[in-house]
Amino acid sequence: MNNMGLGNVETSSTSLMTDFLQKCGGYAVVDGGFATELERHGADLDDPLWSAKCLISSPHLVRRVHLDYLDAGANIVITASYQATIQGFVAKGLSEEEAESLLRRSVEIACEAREIYYDKCTKGCWDYIESGNISRRPVLVAGSIGSYGAYLADGSEYSGKYGDAVSLETLKDFHRRRLQILAKSGADLIAFETIPNKLEAKAYAELLEEEEINIPAWFSFNSKDGINVVSGDSILECASIADSCKQVVAVGINCTPPRFIHGLVLSIRKATSKPVVIYPNSGETYNAELKQWMKSSGVVDEDFVSYVGKWREAGASLFGGCCRTTPNTIRAIGRVLSKNP
């Protein structure tokens, strides 16, 4: 995938996702909440680096969480680099070289988990056997890029309000090196996650073009009203930016309450024919001052999963979970989808 000629980026990128979805049976399962699972395994994430702290302190836990999701049936595992920025690591006293190495490591750990998982399947039983040929469940590794707001660690990825001082060029300069590194790290695609405004979507689209990134990407926005992205920008305009970028192979929504997803999928479908990826949070609300999730209208796994058929009918084809969802949520999503192919 990484060796293809840049003239073929659009064709190869598009076919990667089309072929992948076909191999998965028409839909794919994305993994679930990462930081909350790390905490369940004993990690302390009270840190501006959040889950990225574990790349330094406990990479074995990162691998463990990836494996839990693979065991639960995930077809896509997302790296622990959401809040891993060169600027954030340098602020913690690491050198730029060490910071870049940790970004690469986030992808290596996810790839190692995939190998361990495949190895385990080989020794045990296969996922499925086709016409006498042993076949492996397709698994892609997505290199996560969180928004500028995630780096600020002040919850502004949930508001999208960056202030007038932050321009398109500020955002491009901020993300450029991390994107270059993750694109060459062995990841199958780049997941731009929790995009809170149109400006950042535009910055990503321009960077993908300028840097001639030759692996595909998805753009995933977040919303708190089911109509616009969190900044108040129109979801239609945001999805259109993603649609017009040739490297983008899926467009969607993450870290948004489940009750808003159906309407957002319908809106996105008006702006693009690219596959729609959705991985909502559990429906709880994040309090940026307290740095914790408030149990407001959280939904239990069964409720969350009961929406999946509806989201599929609306036109989504990649399904997972975000904050506060677990391997049990992902297992349940896979069950629902396999019953309604």
Protein backbone atom coordinates (compact mmCIF):
# COMPACT_ATOMS: atom_id res chain seq x y z
CA MET A 1 0.00 0.00 0.00
CA ASN A 2 2.74 2.46 0.93
CA ASN A 3 4.67 1.91 -2.31
CA MET A 4 2.00 2.90 -4.74
CA GLY A 5 2.54 5.74 -7.20
CA LEU A 6 0.99 9.02 -6.12
CA GLY A 7 -0.93 9.27 -9.38
CA ASN A 8 -2.97 6.30 -8.18
CA VAL A 9 -3.72 7.67 -4.71
CA GLU A 10 -7.39 8.28 -5.41
CA THR A 11 -8.05 4.91 -7.03
CA SER A 12 -5.98 2.94 -4.51
CA SER A 13 -7.40 4.80 -1.51
CA THR A 14 -10.99 4.33 -2.64
CA SER A 15 -10.48 0.69 -3.51
CA LEU A 16 -8.76 -0.02 -0.16
CA MET A 17 -11.97 0.87 1.69
CA THR A 18 -14.32 -0.70 -0.89
CA ASP A 19 -12.34 -3.97 -0.95
CA PHE A 20 -12.01 -3.97 2.82
CA LEU A 21 -15.75 -3.51 3.39
CA GLN A 22 -16.46 -6.21 0.84
CA LYS A 23 -14.11 -8.65 2.60
CA CYS A 24 -15.78 -7.81 5.92
CA GLY A 25 -19.21 -8.62 4.47
CA GLY A 26 -20.39 -5.10 3.62
CA TYR A 27 -19.83 -3.48 7.00
CA ALA A 28 -16.90 -3.24 9.42
CA VAL A 29 -16.55 -3.05 13.19
CA VAL A 30 -14.33 -0.33 14.68
CA ASP A 31 -12.90 -0.65 18.20
CA GLY A 32 -14.28 1.18 21.26
CA GLY A 33 -13.25 3.52 24.07
CA PHE A 34 -9.52 3.47 24.68
CA ALA A 35 -8.66 5.66 27.67
CA THR A 36 -11.44 4.25 29.84
CA GLU A 37 -10.21 0.71 29.09
CA LEU A 38 -6.63 1.67 29.96
CA GLU A 39 -7.94 2.99 33.30
CA ARG A 40 -9.84 -0.26 33.85
CA HIS A 41 -6.50 -2.07 33.45
CA GLY A 42 -4.96 0.19 36.10
CA ALA A 43 -3.48 3.12 34.17
CA ASP A 44 -3.55 6.60 35.74
CA LEU A 45 -4.39 9.08 32.98
CA ASP A 46 -4.61 12.30 34.97
CA ASP A 47 -2.14 13.99 32.67
CA PRO A 48 -2.22 16.46 29.73
CA LEU A 49 -1.03 13.54 27.53
CA TRP A 50 -4.07 11.48 28.60
CA SER A 51 -4.00 8.01 26.95
CA ALA A 52 -0.76 8.89 25.09
CA LYS A 53 1.00 8.83 28.48
CA CYS A 54 0.77 5.02 28.34
CA LEU A 55 3.04 4.96 25.26
CA ILE A 56 5.77 6.05 27.67
CA SER A 57 4.74 4.42 30.96
CA SER A 58 2.90 1.22 30.03
CA PRO A 59 2.95 0.16 26.36
CA HIS A 60 1.97 -3.38 27.44
CA LEU A 61 -1.43 -2.01 28.56
CA VAL A 62 -1.91 -0.30 25.18
CA ARG A 63 -1.26 -3.65 23.47
CA ARG A 64 -3.61 -5.38 25.92
CA VAL A 65 -6.50 -3.01 25.07
CA HIS A 66 -5.93 -3.45 21.31
CA LEU A 67 -6.05 -7.22 21.84
CA ASP A 68 -9.24 -7.00 23.91
CA TYR A 69 -10.92 -5.23 20.99
CA LEU A 70 -9.57 -7.69 18.42
CA ASP A 71 -10.89 -10.55 20.55
CA ALA A 72 -14.24 -8.71 20.64
CA GLY A 73 -14.39 -8.73 16.82
CA ALA A 74 -12.98 -5.34 15.76
CA ASN A 75 -11.91 -5.00 12.10
CA ILE A 76 -10.21 -1.64 12.73
CA VAL A 77 -8.00 -0.80 15.70
CA ILE A 78 -7.14 2.86 16.29
CA THR A 79 -3.71 3.73 17.68
CA ALA A 80 -3.10 5.39 21.06
CA SER A 81 -1.84 8.57 19.34
CA TYR A 82 -5.01 10.68 19.66
CA GLN A 83 -3.39 12.98 22.21
CA ALA A 84 0.19 12.10 21.23
CA THR A 85 1.65 15.27 19.75
CA ILE A 86 5.27 16.25 19.33
CA GLN A 87 4.47 19.54 21.08
CA GLY A 88 2.83 17.71 24.01
CA PHE A 89 5.73 15.27 24.47
CA VAL A 90 8.32 18.08 24.25
CA ALA A 91 6.37 20.00 26.92
CA LYS A 92 6.84 16.89 29.14
CA GLY A 93 10.61 17.15 28.70
CA LEU A 94 11.16 14.65 25.85
CA SER A 95 13.29 15.48 22.83
CA GLU A 96 11.69 15.83 19.39
CA GLU A 97 13.36 12.56 18.34
CA GLU A 98 11.87 10.75 21.34
CA ALA A 99 8.45 12.27 20.57
CA GLU A 100 8.61 11.11 16.95
CA SER A 101 9.71 7.67 18.05
CA LEU A 102 6.68 7.40 20.39
CA LEU A 103 4.35 8.28 17.52
CA ARG A 104 5.85 5.46 15.44
CA ARG A 105 5.62 3.18 18.47
CA SER A 106 1.87 3.76 18.75
CA VAL A 107 1.46 2.18 15.31
CA GLU A 108 3.98 -0.60 16.00
CA ILE A 109 2.08 -1.62 19.16
CA ALA A 110 -1.22 -1.85 17.25
CA CYS A 111 0.47 -3.87 14.48
CA GLU A 112 2.03 -6.17 17.11
CA ALA A 113 -1.42 -6.72 18.65
CA ARG A 114 -2.78 -7.67 15.20
CA GLU A 115 0.07 -10.18 14.71
CA ILE A 116 -0.45 -11.68 18.18
CA TYR A 117 -4.17 -11.95 17.46
CA TYR A 118 -3.62 -13.64 14.07
CA ASP A 119 -1.06 -15.96 15.63
CA LYS A 120 -3.54 -16.93 18.33
CA CYS A 121 -6.21 -17.63 15.68
CA THR A 122 -3.76 -19.84 13.79
CA LYS A 123 -3.01 -21.91 16.87
CA GLY A 124 -6.66 -22.06 17.95
CA CYS A 125 -9.56 -21.88 15.60
CA TRP A 126 -9.99 -19.75 12.49
CA ASP A 127 -12.52 -16.94 12.31
CA TYR A 128 -14.10 -18.60 9.31
CA ILE A 129 -13.23 -21.15 6.67
CA GLU A 130 -14.18 -20.56 3.04
CA SER A 131 -14.35 -23.38 0.48
CA GLY A 132 -11.59 -25.28 2.20
CA ASN A 133 -9.29 -22.23 2.34
CA ILE A 134 -8.43 -20.85 5.73
CA SER A 135 -9.27 -17.16 5.78
CA ARG A 136 -8.37 -14.43 8.28
CA ARG A 137 -10.71 -11.70 9.45
CA PRO A 138 -9.47 -8.46 7.85
CA VAL A 139 -7.95 -6.03 10.36
CA LEU A 140 -6.71 -2.52 9.58
CA VAL A 141 -4.62 -0.28 11.84
CA ALA A 142 -5.73 3.37 11.84
CA GLY A 143 -3.23 6.00 13.01
CA SER A 144 -5.19 8.43 15.20
CA ILE A 145 -4.80 12.19 14.93
CA GLY A 146 -6.76 14.14 17.52
CA SER A 147 -7.70 17.75 16.98
CA TYR A 148 -5.72 20.80 18.08
CA GLY A 149 -8.21 21.10 20.94
CA ALA A 150 -7.19 17.66 22.23
CA TYR A 151 -3.56 18.85 22.54
CA LEU A 152 -4.70 21.91 24.53
CA ALA A 153 -6.19 19.40 27.04
CA ASP A 154 -8.81 21.98 28.04
CA GLY A 155 -11.81 20.28 26.45
CA SER A 156 -11.86 22.64 23.44
CA GLU A 157 -12.26 19.71 21.06
CA TYR A 158 -15.79 19.64 22.54
CA SER A 159 -16.43 23.31 21.66
CA GLY A 160 -14.33 23.93 18.55
CA LYS A 161 -13.71 27.48 19.77
CA TYR A 162 -10.00 28.04 19.18
CA GLY A 163 -10.05 31.86 19.13
CA ASP A 164 -9.06 34.29 16.37
CA ALA A 165 -5.33 33.72 16.90
CA VAL A 166 -5.60 30.18 15.50
CA SER A 167 -5.55 30.33 11.71
CA LEU A 168 -5.59 27.69 8.97
CA GLU A 169 -1.78 27.96 8.80
CA THR A 170 -1.45 27.56 12.61
CA LEU A 171 -3.35 24.27 12.39
CA LYS A 172 -1.44 23.01 9.36
CA ASP A 173 1.90 23.77 11.02
CA PHE A 174 0.73 22.09 14.22
CA HIS A 175 -0.36 18.83 12.55
CA ARG A 176 2.13 18.55 9.67
CA ARG A 177 4.99 16.59 11.26
CA ARG A 178 2.73 14.17 13.13
CA LEU A 179 0.84 13.39 9.93
CA GLN A 180 4.11 12.81 8.01
CA ILE A 181 5.34 10.39 10.68
CA LEU A 182 2.10 8.41 11.08
CA ALA A 183 1.67 8.14 7.31
CA LYS A 184 5.06 6.41 7.04
CA SER A 185 4.78 4.29 10.17
CA GLY A 186 3.06 1.20 8.76
CA ALA A 187 -0.54 2.28 9.53
CA ASP A 188 -3.12 1.32 6.90
CA LEU A 189 -4.98 4.59 7.16
CA ILE A 190 -5.13 7.85 9.15
CA ALA A 191 -8.13 8.56 11.41
CA PHE A 192 -8.64 12.30 11.93
CA GLU A 193 -10.88 12.18 15.00
CA THR A 194 -13.23 14.48 16.93
CA ILE A 195 -12.89 17.28 14.36
CA PRO A 196 -14.77 20.18 15.97
CA ASN A 197 -14.90 22.79 13.19
CA LYS A 198 -14.69 23.46 9.47
CA LEU A 199 -11.30 25.20 9.76
CA GLU A 200 -9.54 22.08 11.07
CA ALA A 201 -11.19 19.88 8.41
CA LYS A 202 -9.87 22.29 5.79
CA ALA A 203 -6.39 22.19 7.35
CA TYR A 204 -6.36 18.37 7.21
CA ALA A 205 -7.59 18.27 3.59
CA GLU A 206 -4.91 20.75 2.50
CA LEU A 207 -2.19 18.87 4.42
CA LEU A 208 -3.13 15.54 2.82
CA GLU A 209 -2.76 17.19 -0.62
CA GLU A 210 0.37 19.23 0.13
CA GLU A 211 2.24 16.38 1.79
CA GLU A 212 1.11 13.92 -0.91
CA ILE A 213 0.09 11.48 1.80
CA ASN A 214 -0.22 8.11 0.09
CA ILE A 215 -2.33 6.20 2.57
CA PRO A 216 -6.08 6.85 2.88
CA ALA A 217 -7.76 8.77 5.70
CA TRP A 218 -11.14 9.25 7.31
CA PHE A 219 -12.57 12.45 8.77
CA SER A 220 -14.72 12.03 11.87
CA PHE A 221 -16.53 15.04 13.37
CA ASN A 222 -18.31 15.52 16.69
CA SER A 223 -21.65 17.15 17.43
CA LYS A 224 -23.65 18.12 20.50
CA ASP A 225 -26.97 18.96 18.83
CA GLY A 226 -27.30 16.43 16.00
CA ILE A 227 -27.39 19.22 13.40
CA ASN A 228 -23.98 20.92 13.37
CA VAL A 229 -20.47 20.06 14.49
CA VAL A 230 -19.68 21.28 18.02
CA SER A 231 -18.41 24.71 16.88
CA GLY A 232 -21.75 25.43 15.20
CA ASP A 233 -20.37 24.87 11.67
CA SER A 234 -22.72 22.97 9.37
CA ILE A 235 -22.17 19.20 9.18
CA LEU A 236 -23.02 19.42 5.47
CA GLU A 237 -20.19 21.90 4.84
CA CYS A 238 -17.76 19.83 6.91
CA ALA A 239 -18.69 16.59 5.13
CA SER A 240 -18.34 18.36 1.77
CA ILE A 241 -14.72 19.30 2.59
CA ALA A 242 -14.04 15.63 3.33
CA ASP A 243 -15.88 14.55 0.18
CA SER A 244 -13.75 16.77 -2.06
CA CYS A 245 -10.45 15.42 -0.69
CA LYS A 246 -9.28 12.45 -2.76
CA GLN A 247 -7.38 10.76 0.10
CA VAL A 248 -10.49 10.65 2.31
CA VAL A 249 -12.21 7.26 2.03
CA ALA A 250 -14.81 7.56 4.81
CA VAL A 251 -16.57 10.41 6.59
CA GLY A 252 -18.36 10.25 9.90
CA ILE A 253 -19.01 11.06 13.52
CA ASN A 254 -17.33 10.08 16.78
CA CYS A 255 -17.56 11.05 20.46
CA THR A 256 -21.19 12.14 20.08
CA PRO A 257 -24.23 10.87 22.04
CA PRO A 258 -25.96 7.92 20.33
CA ARG A 259 -29.30 9.77 20.13
CA PHE A 260 -27.87 12.24 17.57
CA ILE A 261 -26.24 9.73 15.23
CA HIS A 262 -29.18 8.81 13.00
CA GLY A 263 -29.86 12.39 11.86
CA LEU A 264 -26.16 13.09 11.37
CA VAL A 265 -25.70 10.01 9.17
CA LEU A 266 -28.62 11.19 6.98
CA SER A 267 -27.02 14.66 6.72
CA ILE A 268 -23.60 13.25 5.82
CA ARG A 269 -25.17 11.05 3.13
CA LYS A 270 -26.49 14.23 1.46
CA ALA A 271 -22.94 15.58 1.15
CA THR A 272 -20.99 12.44 0.17
CA SER A 273 -21.32 8.96 -1.26
CA LYS A 274 -18.18 7.83 0.60
CA PRO A 275 -18.69 5.20 3.34
CA VAL A 276 -19.94 6.61 6.65
CA VAL A 277 -18.08 5.72 9.87
CA ILE A 278 -19.75 6.19 13.25
CA TYR A 279 -18.39 5.54 16.71
CA PRO A 280 -20.46 7.40 19.31
CA ASN A 281 -19.63 7.76 22.98
CA SER A 282 -21.85 6.15 25.61
CA GLY A 283 -24.04 9.26 25.83
CA GLU A 284 -22.41 10.65 28.96
CA THR A 285 -21.16 14.25 29.09
CA TYR A 286 -17.53 15.31 29.49
CA ASN A 287 -16.81 17.98 32.09
CA ALA A 288 -13.60 19.71 30.91
CA GLU A 289 -13.02 21.50 34.24
CA LEU A 290 -13.28 18.34 36.33
CA LYS A 291 -11.68 16.29 33.52
CA GLN A 292 -14.25 13.54 34.01
CA TRP A 293 -17.34 12.00 32.45
CA MET A 294 -20.61 12.82 34.14
CA LYS A 295 -23.22 10.06 34.22
CA SER A 296 -25.99 12.17 32.73
CA SER A 297 -27.77 10.14 30.10
CA GLY A 298 -25.35 7.26 29.63
CA VAL A 299 -26.81 4.27 27.84
CA VAL A 300 -26.10 0.68 28.70
CA ASP A 301 -24.58 -1.56 26.01
CA GLU A 302 -27.95 -3.09 25.08
CA ASP A 303 -29.53 0.34 24.46
CA PHE A 304 -26.51 1.59 22.52
CA VAL A 305 -26.53 -1.49 20.35
CA SER A 306 -30.29 -1.30 19.69
CA TYR A 307 -29.60 1.77 17.53
CA VAL A 308 -27.15 -0.02 15.22
CA GLY A 309 -29.74 -1.39 12.76
CA LYS A 310 -31.25 2.07 12.41
CA TRP A 311 -27.82 3.63 11.74
CA ARG A 312 -27.16 0.99 9.14
CA GLU A 313 -30.47 1.68 7.40
CA ALA A 314 -29.58 5.39 7.39
CA GLY A 315 -26.42 4.50 5.43
CA ALA A 316 -23.53 3.91 7.86
CA SER A 317 -21.11 1.07 7.08
CA LEU A 318 -18.41 1.27 9.78
CA PHE A 319 -19.56 1.00 13.40
CA GLY A 320 -17.71 1.27 16.71
CA GLY A 321 -17.70 3.11 20.01
CA CYS A 322 -15.87 6.06 21.54
CA CYS A 323 -15.43 7.20 25.16
CA ARG A 324 -16.87 4.92 27.85
CA THR A 325 -17.74 2.09 25.46
CA THR A 326 -16.04 -1.27 26.06
CA PRO A 327 -15.09 -4.53 24.31
CA ASN A 328 -18.56 -5.79 25.36
CA THR A 329 -20.16 -2.94 23.36
CA ILE A 330 -18.06 -3.87 20.31
CA ARG A 331 -18.88 -7.58 20.65
CA ALA A 332 -22.59 -6.70 20.83
CA ILE A 333 -22.34 -4.43 17.73
CA GLY A 334 -20.72 -7.29 15.79
CA ARG A 335 -23.51 -9.64 16.86
CA VAL A 336 -26.26 -7.26 15.68
CA LEU A 337 -24.55 -6.68 12.33
CA SER A 338 -23.96 -10.37 11.66
CA LYS A 339 -27.65 -11.08 12.29
CA ASN A 340 -28.72 -8.43 9.75
CA PRO A 341 -26.28 -8.71 6.86
